[in-house]
Amino acid sequence: AQNHDKERLIRELEEARSQLDGRVEADGKVTVELHARVRSLEGQLEQRLREVMGQLVEAVQRNEGLSAENTRTADSLRLLTSDLEDERERRAEVQAELDRQTQR
């Protein structure tokens, strides 16, 4: 009877070990699949990050170009305004001279 109990315990232990080995193998496969998925997602993330950084660089360069263009436009406007004021003064002087000549 004792021998029978030992054999039964050994069989149960072997069965439990076999089940455990099966679970370990299945978990190992899942782990490998998860690692592959993580690597794939990391690759996609890196690619997307490169794309976004490229777009950011382009946007900054466009912004710098627009800022330079705005500066040139503002400078041109200042020059035109100055020229316009000079022209107004010249016309006022001419008009004043005409008025003086007309009054004589």
PDB file of N, CA and C in Angstrom:
ATOM      1  N   ALA A   1       0.832  -1.197   0.000  1.00  0.00           N
ATOM      2  CA  ALA A   1       0.000   0.000   0.000  1.00  0.00           C
ATOM      3  C   ALA A   1       0.866   1.247   0.000  1.00  0.00           C
ATOM      4  N   GLN A   2       1.959   1.216   0.785  1.00  0.00           N
ATOM      5  CA  GLN A   2       2.849   2.368   0.828  1.00  0.00           C
ATOM      6  C   GLN A   2       3.506   2.573  -0.529  1.00  0.00           C
ATOM      7  N   ASN A   3       3.884   1.479  -1.143  1.00  0.00           N
ATOM      8  CA  ASN A   3       4.482   1.528  -2.467  1.00  0.00           C
ATOM      9  C   ASN A   3       3.511   2.132  -3.471  1.00  0.00           C
ATOM     10  N   HIS A   4       2.257   1.702  -3.337  1.00  0.00           N
ATOM     11  CA  HIS A   4       1.212   2.201  -4.232  1.00  0.00           C
ATOM     12  C   HIS A   4       1.049   3.713  -4.075  1.00  0.00           C
ATOM     13  N   ASP A   5       1.068   4.206  -2.839  1.00  0.00           N
ATOM     14  CA  ASP A   5       0.959   5.653  -2.576  1.00  0.00           C
ATOM     15  C   ASP A   5       2.148   6.407  -3.164  1.00  0.00           C
ATOM     16  N   LYS A   6       3.339   5.814  -3.026  1.00  0.00           N
ATOM     17  CA  LYS A   6       4.533   6.461  -3.575  1.00  0.00           C
ATOM     18  C   LYS A   6       4.425   6.580  -5.089  1.00  0.00           C
ATOM     19  N   GLU A   7       4.001   5.462  -5.730  1.00  0.00           N
ATOM     20  CA  GLU A   7       3.863   5.475  -7.187  1.00  0.00           C
ATOM     21  C   GLU A   7       2.827   6.511  -7.632  1.00  0.00           C
ATOM     22  N   ARG A   8       1.709   6.579  -6.902  1.00  0.00           N
ATOM     23  CA  ARG A   8       0.660   7.551  -7.224  1.00  0.00           C
ATOM     24  C   ARG A   8       1.206   8.973  -7.088  1.00  0.00           C
ATOM     25  N   LEU A   9       1.946   9.241  -6.020  1.00  0.00           N
ATOM     26  CA  LEU A   9       2.533  10.566  -5.805  1.00  0.00           C
ATOM     27  C   LEU A   9       3.533  10.909  -6.907  1.00  0.00           C
ATOM     28  N   ILE A  10       4.343   9.908  -7.291  1.00  0.00           N
ATOM     29  CA  ILE A  10       5.321  10.129  -8.362  1.00  0.00           C
ATOM     30  C   ILE A  10       4.595  10.467  -9.662  1.00  0.00           C
ATOM     31  N   ARG A  11       3.517   9.695  -9.980  1.00  0.00           N
ATOM     32  CA  ARG A  11       2.743   9.974 -11.196  1.00  0.00           C
ATOM     33  C   ARG A  11       2.140  11.379 -11.146  1.00  0.00           C
ATOM     34  N   GLU A  12       1.585  11.755  -9.994  1.00  0.00           N
ATOM     35  CA  GLU A  12       0.991  13.093  -9.852  1.00  0.00           C
ATOM     36  C   GLU A  12       2.052  14.181 -10.023  1.00  0.00           C
ATOM     37  N   LEU A  13       3.230  13.941  -9.430  1.00  0.00           N
ATOM     38  CA  LEU A  13       4.327  14.908  -9.575  1.00  0.00           C
ATOM     39  C   LEU A  13       4.769  15.029 -11.032  1.00  0.00           C
ATOM     40  N   GLU A  14       4.888  13.865 -11.713  1.00  0.00           N
ATOM     41  CA  GLU A  14       5.289  13.886 -13.124  1.00  0.00           C
ATOM     42  C   GLU A  14       4.244  14.602 -13.976  1.00  0.00           C
ATOM     43  N   GLU A  15       2.974  14.356 -13.676  1.00  0.00           N
ATOM     44  CA  GLU A  15       1.890  15.013 -14.413  1.00  0.00           C
ATOM     45  C   GLU A  15       1.909  16.524 -14.167  1.00  0.00           C
ATOM     46  N   ALA A  16       2.106  16.918 -12.912  1.00  0.00           N
ATOM     47  CA  ALA A  16       2.167  18.347 -12.570  1.00  0.00           C
ATOM     48  C   ALA A  16       3.361  19.000 -13.257  1.00  0.00           C
ATOM     49  N   ARG A  17       4.491  18.283 -13.262  1.00  0.00           N
ATOM     50  CA  ARG A  17       5.694  18.817 -13.910  1.00  0.00           C
ATOM     51  C   ARG A  17       5.465  18.979 -15.415  1.00  0.00           C
ATOM     52  N   SER A  18       4.808  18.005 -16.018  1.00  0.00           N
ATOM     53  CA  SER A  18       4.509  18.053 -17.450  1.00  0.00           C
ATOM     54  C   SER A  18       3.605  19.253 -17.766  1.00  0.00           C
ATOM     55  N   GLN A  19       2.582  19.437 -16.924  1.00  0.00           N
ATOM     56  CA  GLN A  19       1.693  20.594 -17.110  1.00  0.00           C
ATOM     57  C   GLN A  19       2.470  21.903 -16.968  1.00  0.00           C
ATOM     58  N   LEU A  20       3.331  21.954 -15.967  1.00  0.00           N
ATOM     59  CA  LEU A  20       4.132  23.152 -15.730  1.00  0.00           C
ATOM     60  C   LEU A  20       5.062  23.426 -16.913  1.00  0.00           C
ATOM     61  N   ASP A  21       5.694  22.355 -17.426  1.00  0.00           N
ATOM     62  CA  ASP A  21       6.565  22.511 -18.595  1.00  0.00           C
ATOM     63  C   ASP A  21       5.768  23.052 -19.785  1.00  0.00           C
ATOM     64  N   GLY A  22       4.560  22.548 -19.966  1.00  0.00           N
ATOM     65  CA  GLY A  22       3.693  23.026 -21.059  1.00  0.00           C
ATOM     66  C   GLY A  22       3.357  24.498 -20.895  1.00  0.00           C
ATOM     67  N   ARG A  23       3.064  24.884 -19.671  1.00  0.00           N
ATOM     68  CA  ARG A  23       2.741  26.293 -19.409  1.00  0.00           C
ATOM     69  C   ARG A  23       3.958  27.183 -19.639  1.00  0.00           C
ATOM     70  N   VAL A  24       5.121  26.714 -19.188  1.00  0.00           N
ATOM     71  CA  VAL A  24       6.355  27.479 -19.376  1.00  0.00           C
ATOM     72  C   VAL A  24       6.613  27.666 -20.866  1.00  0.00           C
ATOM     73  N   GLU A  25       6.428  26.580 -21.633  1.00  0.00           N
ATOM     74  CA  GLU A  25       6.640  26.666 -23.085  1.00  0.00           C
ATOM     75  C   GLU A  25       5.648  27.652 -23.718  1.00  0.00           C
ATOM     76  N   ALA A  26       4.379  27.573 -23.325  1.00  0.00           N
ATOM     77  CA  ALA A  26       3.360  28.484 -23.859  1.00  0.00           C
ATOM     78  C   ALA A  26       3.676  29.927 -23.460  1.00  0.00           C
ATOM     79  N   ASP A  27       4.066  30.120 -22.199  1.00  0.00           N
ATOM     80  CA  ASP A  27       4.423  31.470 -21.741  1.00  0.00           C
ATOM     81  C   ASP A  27       5.631  31.999 -22.506  1.00  0.00           C
ATOM     82  N   GLY A  28       6.579  31.099 -22.791  1.00  0.00           N
ATOM     83  CA  GLY A  28       7.763  31.494 -23.557  1.00  0.00           C
ATOM     84  C   GLY A  28       7.381  31.981 -24.944  1.00  0.00           C
ATOM     85  N   LYS A  29       6.445  31.267 -25.593  1.00  0.00           N
ATOM     86  CA  LYS A  29       5.985  31.685 -26.924  1.00  0.00           C
ATOM     87  C   LYS A  29       5.305  33.048 -26.853  1.00  0.00           C
ATOM     88  N   VAL A  30       4.468  33.230 -25.842  1.00  0.00           N
ATOM     89  CA  VAL A  30       3.781  34.518 -25.667  1.00  0.00           C
ATOM     90  C   VAL A  30       4.805  35.623 -25.436  1.00  0.00           C
ATOM     91  N   THR A  31       5.810  35.329 -24.628  1.00  0.00           N
ATOM     92  CA  THR A  31       6.855  36.320 -24.347  1.00  0.00           C
ATOM     93  C   THR A  31       7.583  36.707 -25.625  1.00  0.00           C
ATOM     94  N   VAL A  32       7.935  35.712 -26.446  1.00  0.00           N
ATOM     95  CA  VAL A  32       8.618  35.986 -27.715  1.00  0.00           C
ATOM     96  C   VAL A  32       7.726  36.845 -28.607  1.00  0.00           C
ATOM     97  N   GLU A  33       6.435  36.497 -28.687  1.00  0.00           N
ATOM     98  CA  GLU A  33       5.495  37.269 -29.507  1.00  0.00           C
ATOM     99  C   GLU A  33       5.376  38.704 -28.996  1.00  0.00           C
ATOM    100  N   LEU A  34       5.310  38.851 -27.680  1.00  0.00           N
ATOM    101  CA  LEU A  34       5.199  40.195 -27.105  1.00  0.00           C
ATOM    102  C   LEU A  34       6.456  41.016 -27.371  1.00  0.00           C
ATOM    103  N   HIS A  35       7.617  40.390 -27.250  1.00  0.00           N
ATOM    104  CA  HIS A  35       8.872  41.102 -27.539  1.00  0.00           C
ATOM    105  C   HIS A  35       8.901  41.559 -28.998  1.00  0.00           C
ATOM    106  N   ALA A  36       8.466  40.679 -29.905  1.00  0.00           N
ATOM    107  CA  ALA A  36       8.438  41.039 -31.330  1.00  0.00           C
ATOM    108  C   ALA A  36       7.479  42.204 -31.560  1.00  0.00           C
ATOM    109  N   ARG A  37       6.336  42.162 -30.910  1.00  0.00           N
ATOM    110  CA  ARG A  37       5.339  43.243 -31.060  1.00  0.00           C
ATOM    111  C   ARG A  37       5.903  44.562 -30.516  1.00  0.00           C
ATOM    112  N   VAL A  38       6.574  44.495 -29.371  1.00  0.00           N
ATOM    113  CA  VAL A  38       7.176  45.701 -28.785  1.00  0.00           C
ATOM    114  C   VAL A  38       8.221  46.276 -29.731  1.00  0.00           C
ATOM    115  N   ARG A  39       9.073  45.418 -30.305  1.00  0.00           N
ATOM    116  CA  ARG A  39      10.095  45.901 -31.254  1.00  0.00           C
ATOM    117  C   ARG A  39       9.434  46.550 -32.464  1.00  0.00           C
ATOM    118  N   SER A  40       8.369  45.943 -32.952  1.00  0.00           N
ATOM    119  CA  SER A  40       7.649  46.501 -34.102  1.00  0.00           C
ATOM    120  C   SER A  40       7.072  47.875 -33.765  1.00  0.00           C
ATOM    121  N   LEU A  41       6.449  47.976 -32.600  1.00  0.00           N
ATOM    122  CA  LEU A  41       5.863  49.258 -32.186  1.00  0.00           C
ATOM    123  C   LEU A  41       6.944  50.309 -31.964  1.00  0.00           C
ATOM    124  N   GLU A  42       8.077  49.894 -31.404  1.00  0.00           N
ATOM    125  CA  GLU A  42       9.190  50.835 -31.215  1.00  0.00           C
ATOM    126  C   GLU A  42       9.670  51.362 -32.561  1.00  0.00           C
ATOM    127  N   GLY A  43       9.778  50.465 -33.548  1.00  0.00           N
ATOM    128  CA  GLY A  43      10.195  50.868 -34.890  1.00  0.00           C
ATOM    129  C   GLY A  43       9.215  51.851 -35.506  1.00  0.00           C
ATOM    130  N   GLN A  44       7.921  51.558 -35.360  1.00  0.00           N
ATOM    131  CA  GLN A  44       6.892  52.465 -35.886  1.00  0.00           C
ATOM    132  C   GLN A  44       6.965  53.819 -35.191  1.00  0.00           C
ATOM    133  N   LEU A  45       7.171  53.785 -33.889  1.00  0.00           N
ATOM    134  CA  LEU A  45       7.255  55.023 -33.116  1.00  0.00           C
ATOM    135  C   LEU A  45       8.463  55.848 -33.543  1.00  0.00           C
ATOM    136  N   GLU A  46       9.608  55.191 -33.721  1.00  0.00           N
ATOM    137  CA  GLU A  46      10.809  55.902 -34.166  1.00  0.00           C
ATOM    138  C   GLU A  46      10.591  56.532 -35.536  1.00  0.00           C
ATOM    139  N   GLN A  47       9.956  55.781 -36.450  1.00  0.00           N
ATOM    140  CA  GLN A  47       9.692  56.301 -37.796  1.00  0.00           C
ATOM    141  C   GLN A  47       8.778  57.516 -37.720  1.00  0.00           C
ATOM    142  N   ARG A  48       7.726  57.407 -36.929  1.00  0.00           N
ATOM    143  CA  ARG A  48       6.769  58.520 -36.802  1.00  0.00           C
ATOM    144  C   ARG A  48       7.455  59.732 -36.173  1.00  0.00           C
ATOM    145  N   LEU A  49       8.321  59.481 -35.191  1.00  0.00           N
ATOM    146  CA  LEU A  49       9.048  60.565 -34.534  1.00  0.00           C
ATOM    147  C   LEU A  49       9.955  61.276 -35.533  1.00  0.00           C
ATOM    148  N   ARG A  50      10.633  60.490 -36.392  1.00  0.00           N
ATOM    149  CA  ARG A  50      11.481  61.102 -37.430  1.00  0.00           C
ATOM    150  C   ARG A  50      10.641  61.972 -38.365  1.00  0.00           C
ATOM    151  N   GLU A  51       9.459  61.468 -38.755  1.00  0.00           N
ATOM    152  CA  GLU A  51       8.579  62.232 -39.650  1.00  0.00           C
ATOM    153  C   GLU A  51       8.140  63.539 -38.993  1.00  0.00           C
ATOM    154  N   VAL A  52       7.718  63.451 -37.739  1.00  0.00           N
ATOM    155  CA  VAL A  52       7.243  64.640 -37.029  1.00  0.00           C
ATOM    156  C   VAL A  52       8.379  65.646 -36.841  1.00  0.00           C
ATOM    157  N   MET A  53       9.571  65.153 -36.512  1.00  0.00           N
ATOM    158  CA  MET A  53      10.713  66.058 -36.346  1.00  0.00           C
ATOM    159  C   MET A  53      11.039  66.742 -37.674  1.00  0.00           C
ATOM    160  N   GLY A  54      10.950  65.994 -38.774  1.00  0.00           N
ATOM    161  CA  GLY A  54      11.172  66.585 -40.094  1.00  0.00           C
ATOM    162  C   GLY A  54      10.160  67.675 -40.389  1.00  0.00           C
ATOM    163  N   GLN A  55       8.895  67.411 -40.059  1.00  0.00           N
ATOM    164  CA  GLN A  55       7.845  68.413 -40.266  1.00  0.00           C
ATOM    165  C   GLN A  55       8.093  69.637 -39.394  1.00  0.00           C
ATOM    166  N   LEU A  56       8.564  69.404 -38.178  1.00  0.00           N
ATOM    167  CA  LEU A  56       8.848  70.512 -37.266  1.00  0.00           C
ATOM    168  C   LEU A  56       9.976  71.376 -37.813  1.00  0.00           C
ATOM    169  N   VAL A  57      11.023  70.736 -38.318  1.00  0.00           N
ATOM    170  CA  VAL A  57      12.144  71.485 -38.898  1.00  0.00           C
ATOM    171  C   VAL A  57      11.650  72.319 -40.081  1.00  0.00           C
ATOM    172  N   GLU A  58      10.821  71.709 -40.946  1.00  0.00           N
ATOM    173  CA  GLU A  58      10.276  72.448 -42.096  1.00  0.00           C
ATOM    174  C   GLU A  58       9.446  73.640 -41.629  1.00  0.00           C
ATOM    175  N   ALA A  59       8.622  73.437 -40.604  1.00  0.00           N
ATOM    176  CA  ALA A  59       7.772  74.520 -40.097  1.00  0.00           C
ATOM    177  C   ALA A  59       8.619  75.656 -39.530  1.00  0.00           C
ATOM    178  N   VAL A  60       9.674  75.303 -38.790  1.00  0.00           N
ATOM    179  CA  VAL A  60      10.561  76.331 -38.223  1.00  0.00           C
ATOM    180  C   VAL A  60      11.241  77.104 -39.348  1.00  0.00           C
ATOM    181  N   GLN A  61      11.704  76.385 -40.376  1.00  0.00           N
ATOM    182  CA  GLN A  61      12.362  77.057 -41.499  1.00  0.00           C
ATOM    183  C   GLN A  61      11.388  77.978 -42.229  1.00  0.00           C
ATOM    184  N   ARG A  62      10.145  77.499 -42.435  1.00  0.00           N
ATOM    185  CA  ARG A  62       9.116  78.344 -43.076  1.00  0.00           C
ATOM    186  C   ARG A  62       8.854  79.578 -42.232  1.00  0.00           C
ATOM    187  N   ASN A  63       8.763  79.378 -40.921  1.00  0.00           N
ATOM    188  CA  ASN A  63       8.501  80.490 -40.011  1.00  0.00           C
ATOM    189  C   ASN A  63       9.630  81.511 -40.068  1.00  0.00           C
ATOM    190  N   GLU A  64      10.876  81.010 -40.099  1.00  0.00           N
ATOM    191  CA  GLU A  64      12.019  81.923 -40.193  1.00  0.00           C
ATOM    192  C   GLU A  64      11.966  82.696 -41.503  1.00  0.00           C
ATOM    193  N   GLY A  65      11.587  82.005 -42.585  1.00  0.00           N
ATOM    194  CA  GLY A  65      11.457  82.667 -43.884  1.00  0.00           C
ATOM    195  C   GLY A  65      10.382  83.736 -43.862  1.00  0.00           C
ATOM    196  N   LEU A  66       9.253  83.400 -43.234  1.00  0.00           N
ATOM    197  CA  LEU A  66       8.159  84.374 -43.142  1.00  0.00           C
ATOM    198  C   LEU A  66       8.564  85.556 -42.275  1.00  0.00           C
ATOM    199  N   SER A  67       9.290  85.289 -41.190  1.00  0.00           N
ATOM    200  CA  SER A  67       9.748  86.377 -40.318  1.00  0.00           C
ATOM    201  C   SER A  67      10.663  87.312 -41.084  1.00  0.00           C
ATOM    202  N   ALA A  68      11.574  86.742 -41.877  1.00  0.00           N
ATOM    203  CA  ALA A  68      12.482  87.572 -42.678  1.00  0.00           C
ATOM    204  C   ALA A  68      11.683  88.377 -43.702  1.00  0.00           C
ATOM    205  N   GLU A  69      10.691  87.736 -44.306  1.00  0.00           N
ATOM    206  CA  GLU A  69       9.849  88.430 -45.292  1.00  0.00           C
ATOM    207  C   GLU A  69       9.061  89.557 -44.615  1.00  0.00           C
ATOM    208  N   ASN A  70       8.547  89.291 -43.419  1.00  0.00           N
ATOM    209  CA  ASN A  70       7.817  90.325 -42.675  1.00  0.00           C
ATOM    210  C   ASN A  70       8.730  91.507 -42.358  1.00  0.00           C
ATOM    211  N   THR A  71       9.969  91.216 -41.991  1.00  0.00           N
ATOM    212  CA  THR A  71      10.931  92.284 -41.689  1.00  0.00           C
ATOM    213  C   THR A  71      11.192  93.117 -42.937  1.00  0.00           C
ATOM    214  N   ARG A  72      11.392  92.448 -44.075  1.00  0.00           N
ATOM    215  CA  ARG A  72      11.623  93.178 -45.334  1.00  0.00           C
ATOM    216  C   ARG A  72      10.407  94.034 -45.689  1.00  0.00           C
ATOM    217  N   THR A  73       9.215  93.473 -45.517  1.00  0.00           N
ATOM    218  CA  THR A  73       7.986  94.211 -45.826  1.00  0.00           C
ATOM    219  C   THR A  73       7.848  95.423 -44.912  1.00  0.00           C
ATOM    220  N   ALA A  74       8.123  95.248 -43.628  1.00  0.00           N
ATOM    221  CA  ALA A  74       8.035  96.367 -42.680  1.00  0.00           C
ATOM    222  C   ALA A  74       9.046  97.453 -43.042  1.00  0.00           C
ATOM    223  N   ASP A  75      10.259  97.052 -43.416  1.00  0.00           N
ATOM    224  CA  ASP A  75      11.274  98.032 -43.830  1.00  0.00           C
ATOM    225  C   ASP A  75      10.813  98.790 -45.070  1.00  0.00           C
ATOM    226  N   SER A  76      10.272  98.073 -46.041  1.00  0.00           N
ATOM    227  CA  SER A  76       9.765  98.715 -47.261  1.00  0.00           C
ATOM    228  C   SER A  76       8.644  99.687 -46.930  1.00  0.00           C
ATOM    229  N   LEU A  77       7.769  99.276 -46.024  1.00  0.00           N
ATOM    230  CA  LEU A  77       6.657 100.147 -45.632  1.00  0.00           C
ATOM    231  C   LEU A  77       7.170 101.418 -44.961  1.00  0.00           C
ATOM    232  N   ARG A  78       8.170 101.287 -44.112  1.00  0.00           N
ATOM    233  CA  ARG A  78       8.754 102.468 -43.465  1.00  0.00           C
ATOM    234  C   ARG A  78       9.342 103.415 -44.509  1.00  0.00           C
ATOM    235  N   LEU A  79      10.052 102.853 -45.483  1.00  0.00           N
ATOM    236  CA  LEU A  79      10.627 103.687 -46.544  1.00  0.00           C
ATOM    237  C   LEU A  79       9.532 104.387 -47.343  1.00  0.00           C
ATOM    238  N   LEU A  80       8.497 103.646 -47.699  1.00  0.00           N
ATOM    239  CA  LEU A  80       7.393 104.246 -48.462  1.00  0.00           C
ATOM    240  C   LEU A  80       6.696 105.335 -47.657  1.00  0.00           C
ATOM    241  N   THR A  81       6.492 105.082 -46.370  1.00  0.00           N
ATOM    242  CA  THR A  81       5.852 106.079 -45.505  1.00  0.00           C
ATOM    243  C   THR A  81       6.713 107.335 -45.420  1.00  0.00           C
ATOM    244  N   SER A  82       8.008 107.142 -45.276  1.00  0.00           N
ATOM    245  CA  SER A  82       8.933 108.275 -45.216  1.00  0.00           C
ATOM    246  C   SER A  82       8.895 109.053 -46.528  1.00  0.00           C
ATOM    247  N   ASP A  83       8.932 108.339 -47.654  1.00  0.00           N
ATOM    248  CA  ASP A  83       8.853 108.991 -48.966  1.00  0.00           C
ATOM    249  C   ASP A  83       7.539 109.752 -49.108  1.00  0.00           C
ATOM    250  N   LEU A  84       6.465 109.153 -48.630  1.00  0.00           N
ATOM    251  CA  LEU A  84       5.147 109.799 -48.718  1.00  0.00           C
ATOM    252  C   LEU A  84       5.120 111.078 -47.886  1.00  0.00           C
ATOM    253  N   GLU A  85       5.688 111.026 -46.681  1.00  0.00           N
ATOM    254  CA  GLU A  85       5.743 112.227 -45.838  1.00  0.00           C
ATOM    255  C   GLU A  85       6.591 113.310 -46.499  1.00  0.00           C
ATOM    256  N   ASP A  86       7.722 112.918 -47.094  1.00  0.00           N
ATOM    257  CA  ASP A  86       8.567 113.885 -47.813  1.00  0.00           C
ATOM    258  C   ASP A  86       7.785 114.517 -48.959  1.00  0.00           C
ATOM    259  N   GLU A  87       7.049 113.693 -49.676  1.00  0.00           N
ATOM    260  CA  GLU A  87       6.261 114.198 -50.815  1.00  0.00           C
ATOM    261  C   GLU A  87       5.167 115.148 -50.329  1.00  0.00           C
ATOM    262  N   ARG A  88       4.522 114.835 -49.209  1.00  0.00           N
ATOM    263  CA  ARG A  88       3.487 115.730 -48.654  1.00  0.00           C
ATOM    264  C   ARG A  88       4.097 117.080 -48.283  1.00  0.00           C
ATOM    265  N   GLU A  89       5.263 117.033 -47.636  1.00  0.00           N
ATOM    266  CA  GLU A  89       5.937 118.285 -47.258  1.00  0.00           C
ATOM    267  C   GLU A  89       6.282 119.103 -48.497  1.00  0.00           C
ATOM    268  N   ARG A  90       6.798 118.426 -49.534  1.00  0.00           N
ATOM    269  CA  ARG A  90       7.164 119.125 -50.767  1.00  0.00           C
ATOM    270  C   ARG A  90       5.929 119.760 -51.402  1.00  0.00           C
ATOM    271  N   ARG A  91       4.832 119.027 -51.441  1.00  0.00           N
ATOM    272  CA  ARG A  91       3.598 119.563 -52.033  1.00  0.00           C
ATOM    273  C   ARG A  91       3.064 120.730 -51.200  1.00  0.00           C
ATOM    274  N   ALA A  92       3.166 120.609 -49.885  1.00  0.00           N
ATOM    275  CA  ALA A  92       2.701 121.715 -49.025  1.00  0.00           C
ATOM    276  C   ALA A  92       3.527 122.967 -49.291  1.00  0.00           C
ATOM    277  N   GLU A  93       4.848 122.777 -49.466  1.00  0.00           N
ATOM    278  CA  GLU A  93       5.713 123.928 -49.768  1.00  0.00           C
ATOM    279  C   GLU A  93       5.350 124.532 -51.117  1.00  0.00           C
ATOM    280  N   VAL A  94       5.119 123.671 -52.110  1.00  0.00           N
ATOM    281  CA  VAL A  94       4.729 124.161 -53.444  1.00  0.00           C
ATOM    282  C   VAL A  94       3.401 124.901 -53.357  1.00  0.00           C
ATOM    283  N   GLN A  95       2.464 124.318 -52.611  1.00  0.00           N
ATOM    284  CA  GLN A  95       1.148 124.956 -52.474  1.00  0.00           C
ATOM    285  C   GLN A  95       1.275 126.301 -51.761  1.00  0.00           C
ATOM    286  N   ALA A  96       2.112 126.350 -50.745  1.00  0.00           N
ATOM    287  CA  ALA A  96       2.318 127.612 -50.018  1.00  0.00           C
ATOM    288  C   ALA A  96       2.922 128.653 -50.952  1.00  0.00           C
ATOM    289  N   GLU A  97       3.870 128.241 -51.770  1.00  0.00           N
ATOM    290  CA  GLU A  97       4.495 129.158 -52.735  1.00  0.00           C
ATOM    291  C   GLU A  97       3.463 129.637 -53.745  1.00  0.00           C
ATOM    292  N   LEU A  98       2.622 128.711 -54.220  1.00  0.00           N
ATOM    293  CA  LEU A  98       1.565 129.096 -55.170  1.00  0.00           C
ATOM    294  C   LEU A  98       0.593 130.076 -54.517  1.00  0.00           C
ATOM    295  N   ASP A  99       0.245 129.803 -53.263  1.00  0.00           N
ATOM    296  CA  ASP A  99      -0.668 130.702 -52.548  1.00  0.00           C
ATOM    297  C   ASP A  99      -0.054 132.089 -52.420  1.00  0.00           C
ATOM    298  N   ARG A 100       1.244 132.181 -52.099  1.00  0.00           N
ATOM    299  CA  ARG A 100       1.918 133.479 -51.971  1.00  0.00           C
ATOM    300  C   ARG A 100       1.910 134.221 -53.312  1.00  0.00           C
ATOM    301  N   GLN A 101       2.199 133.471 -54.379  1.00  0.00           N
ATOM    302  CA  GLN A 101       2.234 134.105 -55.701  1.00  0.00           C
ATOM    303  C   GLN A 101       0.840 134.557 -56.121  1.00  0.00           C
ATOM    304  N   THR A 102      -0.170 133.784 -55.739  1.00  0.00           N
ATOM    305  CA  THR A 102      -1.541 134.131 -56.100  1.00  0.00           C
ATOM    306  C   THR A 102      -1.984 135.381 -55.345  1.00  0.00           C
ATOM    307  N   GLN A 103      -1.531 135.568 -54.132  1.00  0.00           N
ATOM    308  CA  GLN A 103      -1.938 136.714 -53.315  1.00  0.00           C
ATOM    309  C   GLN A 103      -1.285 137.994 -53.803  1.00  0.00           C
ATOM    310  N   ARG A 104      -0.237 137.937 -54.562  1.00  0.00           N
ATOM    311  CA  ARG A 104       0.467 139.136 -55.017  1.00  0.00           C
ATOM    312  C   ARG A 104      -0.245 139.824 -56.124  1.00  0.00           C
TER     313      ARG A 104
END
